[in-house]
Amino acid sequence: MMAGSGESESGGGRKKGAMKIEGYPVEGLSIGGQETCVIFPTLKIAFDIGRCPQRAIGQEFLFISHGHMDHI
């Protein structure tokens, strides 16, 4: 599940609120050793893109933390 996606975590119909940092909504995805991606959609920036999730393509800026294949 992407952080801040509003999807139900337990499937019980309860919605999880969007994750925010200093008021900015944050979306994230991490699969150990395969993919890492953090997106600040209102700022149009992404940090690392792993296998390049569709949501990362529309961001204006991309920041790479380091050169491991699960981050590029």
N, C-alpha and C. Protein backbone atom coordinates (compact mmCIF):
# COMPACT_ATOMS: atom_id res chain seq x y z
N MET A 1 0.83 -1.18 0.00
CA MET A 1 0.00 0.00 0.00
C MET A 1 0.88 1.24 0.00
N MET A 2 0.53 2.22 -0.75
CA MET A 2 1.29 3.46 -0.77
C MET A 2 0.87 4.32 0.42
N ALA A 3 1.85 4.90 1.11
CA ALA A 3 1.54 5.77 2.23
C ALA A 3 0.74 6.95 1.74
N GLY A 4 -0.31 7.27 2.44
CA GLY A 4 -1.11 8.42 2.08
C GLY A 4 -2.06 8.19 0.93
N SER A 5 -2.24 6.96 0.50
CA SER A 5 -3.12 6.70 -0.64
C SER A 5 -4.58 6.71 -0.24
N GLY A 6 -4.87 6.66 1.06
CA GLY A 6 -6.24 6.64 1.52
C GLY A 6 -6.88 5.27 1.45
N GLU A 7 -6.11 4.25 1.06
CA GLU A 7 -6.64 2.90 0.97
C GLU A 7 -6.85 2.34 2.37
N SER A 8 -7.81 1.45 2.49
CA SER A 8 -8.07 0.81 3.76
C SER A 8 -6.93 -0.16 4.07
N GLU A 9 -6.35 -0.04 5.25
CA GLU A 9 -5.23 -0.90 5.61
C GLU A 9 -5.68 -2.31 5.94
N SER A 10 -6.82 -2.44 6.62
CA SER A 10 -7.26 -3.76 7.05
C SER A 10 -8.39 -4.31 6.20
N GLY A 11 -8.90 -3.53 5.27
CA GLY A 11 -10.01 -3.98 4.44
C GLY A 11 -11.34 -3.86 5.15
N GLY A 12 -11.35 -3.31 6.38
CA GLY A 12 -12.56 -3.18 7.15
C GLY A 12 -13.35 -1.92 6.85
N GLY A 13 -13.02 -1.22 5.78
CA GLY A 13 -13.74 -0.02 5.42
C GLY A 13 -13.23 1.24 6.09
N ARG A 14 -12.29 1.09 7.00
CA ARG A 14 -11.73 2.25 7.68
C ARG A 14 -10.62 2.83 6.82
N LYS A 15 -10.69 4.12 6.53
CA LYS A 15 -9.69 4.78 5.68
C LYS A 15 -8.57 5.31 6.54
N LYS A 16 -7.35 5.17 6.06
CA LYS A 16 -6.19 5.71 6.73
C LYS A 16 -5.92 7.10 6.17
N GLY A 17 -5.66 8.07 7.02
CA GLY A 17 -5.41 9.43 6.56
C GLY A 17 -4.09 9.54 5.82
N ALA A 18 -3.97 10.58 5.01
CA ALA A 18 -2.76 10.80 4.24
C ALA A 18 -1.60 11.14 5.17
N MET A 19 -0.43 10.61 4.86
CA MET A 19 0.77 10.94 5.63
C MET A 19 1.25 12.31 5.16
N LYS A 20 1.59 13.17 6.12
CA LYS A 20 2.09 14.50 5.78
C LYS A 20 3.35 14.78 6.57
N ILE A 21 4.26 15.51 5.94
CA ILE A 21 5.47 15.99 6.60
C ILE A 21 5.49 17.50 6.43
N GLU A 22 5.49 18.21 7.54
CA GLU A 22 5.43 19.67 7.53
C GLU A 22 4.29 20.18 6.64
N GLY A 23 3.17 19.46 6.63
CA GLY A 23 2.00 19.88 5.87
C GLY A 23 1.96 19.40 4.43
N TYR A 24 3.02 18.75 3.96
CA TYR A 24 3.07 18.27 2.58
C TYR A 24 2.69 16.79 2.53
N PRO A 25 1.72 16.41 1.68
CA PRO A 25 1.38 15.00 1.54
C PRO A 25 2.55 14.20 0.96
N VAL A 26 2.72 12.98 1.46
CA VAL A 26 3.82 12.12 1.04
C VAL A 26 3.27 10.76 0.61
N GLU A 27 3.77 10.25 -0.51
CA GLU A 27 3.44 8.90 -0.97
C GLU A 27 4.73 8.11 -0.99
N GLY A 28 4.69 6.87 -0.60
CA GLY A 28 5.90 6.08 -0.58
C GLY A 28 5.67 4.62 -0.91
N LEU A 29 6.71 4.00 -1.42
CA LEU A 29 6.67 2.59 -1.77
C LEU A 29 8.06 2.02 -1.56
N SER A 30 8.14 0.89 -0.88
CA SER A 30 9.43 0.26 -0.68
C SER A 30 9.27 -1.25 -0.63
N ILE A 31 10.03 -1.93 -1.47
CA ILE A 31 10.12 -3.38 -1.47
C ILE A 31 11.61 -3.67 -1.36
N GLY A 32 12.04 -4.18 -0.20
CA GLY A 32 13.45 -4.37 0.10
C GLY A 32 14.27 -4.98 -1.03
N GLY A 33 15.30 -4.26 -1.47
CA GLY A 33 16.20 -4.75 -2.51
C GLY A 33 15.65 -4.70 -3.92
N GLN A 34 14.41 -4.26 -4.09
CA GLN A 34 13.81 -4.22 -5.42
C GLN A 34 13.37 -2.83 -5.85
N GLU A 35 12.77 -2.09 -4.94
CA GLU A 35 12.19 -0.82 -5.34
C GLU A 35 12.01 0.10 -4.14
N THR A 36 12.36 1.36 -4.32
CA THR A 36 12.11 2.39 -3.33
C THR A 36 11.69 3.65 -4.06
N CYS A 37 10.65 4.31 -3.58
CA CYS A 37 10.20 5.55 -4.20
C CYS A 37 9.43 6.37 -3.17
N VAL A 38 9.77 7.65 -3.05
CA VAL A 38 9.06 8.58 -2.18
C VAL A 38 8.68 9.78 -3.03
N ILE A 39 7.40 10.16 -2.99
CA ILE A 39 6.90 11.25 -3.82
C ILE A 39 6.22 12.30 -2.95
N PHE A 40 6.54 13.57 -3.21
CA PHE A 40 5.83 14.70 -2.64
C PHE A 40 5.03 15.31 -3.79
N PRO A 41 3.77 14.86 -3.99
CA PRO A 41 3.02 15.26 -5.18
C PRO A 41 2.75 16.76 -5.30
N THR A 42 2.52 17.46 -4.20
CA THR A 42 2.24 18.89 -4.31
C THR A 42 3.49 19.69 -4.67
N LEU A 43 4.67 19.15 -4.38
CA LEU A 43 5.92 19.80 -4.76
C LEU A 43 6.43 19.31 -6.12
N LYS A 44 5.80 18.26 -6.64
CA LYS A 44 6.16 17.63 -7.91
C LYS A 44 7.60 17.10 -7.91
N ILE A 45 7.98 16.46 -6.78
CA ILE A 45 9.31 15.87 -6.69
C ILE A 45 9.21 14.41 -6.25
N ALA A 46 10.20 13.63 -6.69
CA ALA A 46 10.31 12.23 -6.30
C ALA A 46 11.74 11.95 -5.85
N PHE A 47 11.88 11.12 -4.84
CA PHE A 47 13.18 10.67 -4.37
C PHE A 47 13.31 9.20 -4.71
N ASP A 48 14.30 8.88 -5.51
CA ASP A 48 14.52 7.51 -5.97
C ASP A 48 13.26 7.03 -6.70
N ILE A 49 13.41 6.14 -7.66
CA ILE A 49 12.21 5.66 -8.35
C ILE A 49 12.21 4.16 -8.58
N GLY A 50 13.18 3.45 -8.05
CA GLY A 50 13.17 1.98 -8.15
C GLY A 50 12.82 1.50 -9.55
N ARG A 51 11.72 0.77 -9.66
CA ARG A 51 11.28 0.26 -10.97
C ARG A 51 10.37 1.26 -11.67
N CYS A 52 10.38 2.48 -11.26
CA CYS A 52 9.64 3.60 -11.84
C CYS A 52 8.13 3.40 -11.83
N PRO A 53 7.51 3.55 -10.65
CA PRO A 53 6.06 3.46 -10.60
C PRO A 53 5.42 4.56 -11.45
N GLN A 54 4.28 4.28 -12.02
CA GLN A 54 3.58 5.21 -12.91
C GLN A 54 3.45 6.60 -12.28
N ARG A 55 3.17 6.66 -11.00
CA ARG A 55 2.96 7.93 -10.31
C ARG A 55 4.22 8.80 -10.32
N ALA A 56 5.40 8.22 -10.42
CA ALA A 56 6.65 8.98 -10.40
C ALA A 56 6.92 9.69 -11.73
N ILE A 57 6.35 9.21 -12.81
CA ILE A 57 6.63 9.77 -14.13
C ILE A 57 6.21 11.23 -14.26
N GLY A 58 5.11 11.62 -13.63
CA GLY A 58 4.59 12.98 -13.76
C GLY A 58 5.27 14.03 -12.90
N GLN A 59 6.28 13.65 -12.13
CA GLN A 59 6.95 14.62 -11.26
C GLN A 59 7.97 15.43 -12.06
N GLU A 60 8.15 16.69 -11.69
CA GLU A 60 9.07 17.56 -12.42
C GLU A 60 10.53 17.35 -12.05
N PHE A 61 10.79 16.92 -10.82
CA PHE A 61 12.16 16.75 -10.36
C PHE A 61 12.35 15.37 -9.74
N LEU A 62 13.51 14.79 -9.98
CA LEU A 62 13.86 13.49 -9.43
C LEU A 62 15.20 13.60 -8.71
N PHE A 63 15.23 13.14 -7.48
CA PHE A 63 16.45 13.14 -6.68
C PHE A 63 16.84 11.69 -6.41
N ILE A 64 18.10 11.35 -6.66
CA ILE A 64 18.61 9.99 -6.44
C ILE A 64 19.51 10.02 -5.20
N SER A 65 19.18 9.21 -4.20
CA SER A 65 19.97 9.21 -2.97
C SER A 65 21.29 8.47 -3.14
N HIS A 66 21.29 7.38 -3.90
CA HIS A 66 22.52 6.63 -4.16
C HIS A 66 22.27 5.67 -5.32
N GLY A 67 23.33 5.07 -5.84
CA GLY A 67 23.27 4.32 -7.08
C GLY A 67 22.88 2.86 -7.04
N HIS A 68 22.31 2.38 -5.95
CA HIS A 68 21.86 0.98 -5.95
C HIS A 68 20.68 0.81 -6.89
N MET A 69 20.58 -0.36 -7.52
CA MET A 69 19.57 -0.55 -8.56
C MET A 69 18.14 -0.43 -8.05
N ASP A 70 17.90 -0.63 -6.77
CA ASP A 70 16.53 -0.47 -6.26
C ASP A 70 16.15 0.99 -6.02
N HIS A 71 17.07 1.91 -6.28
CA HIS A 71 16.81 3.34 -6.11
C HIS A 71 16.82 4.09 -7.44
N ILE A 72 17.35 3.50 -8.49
CA ILE A 72 17.43 4.20 -9.79
C ILE A 72 16.46 3.56 -10.75
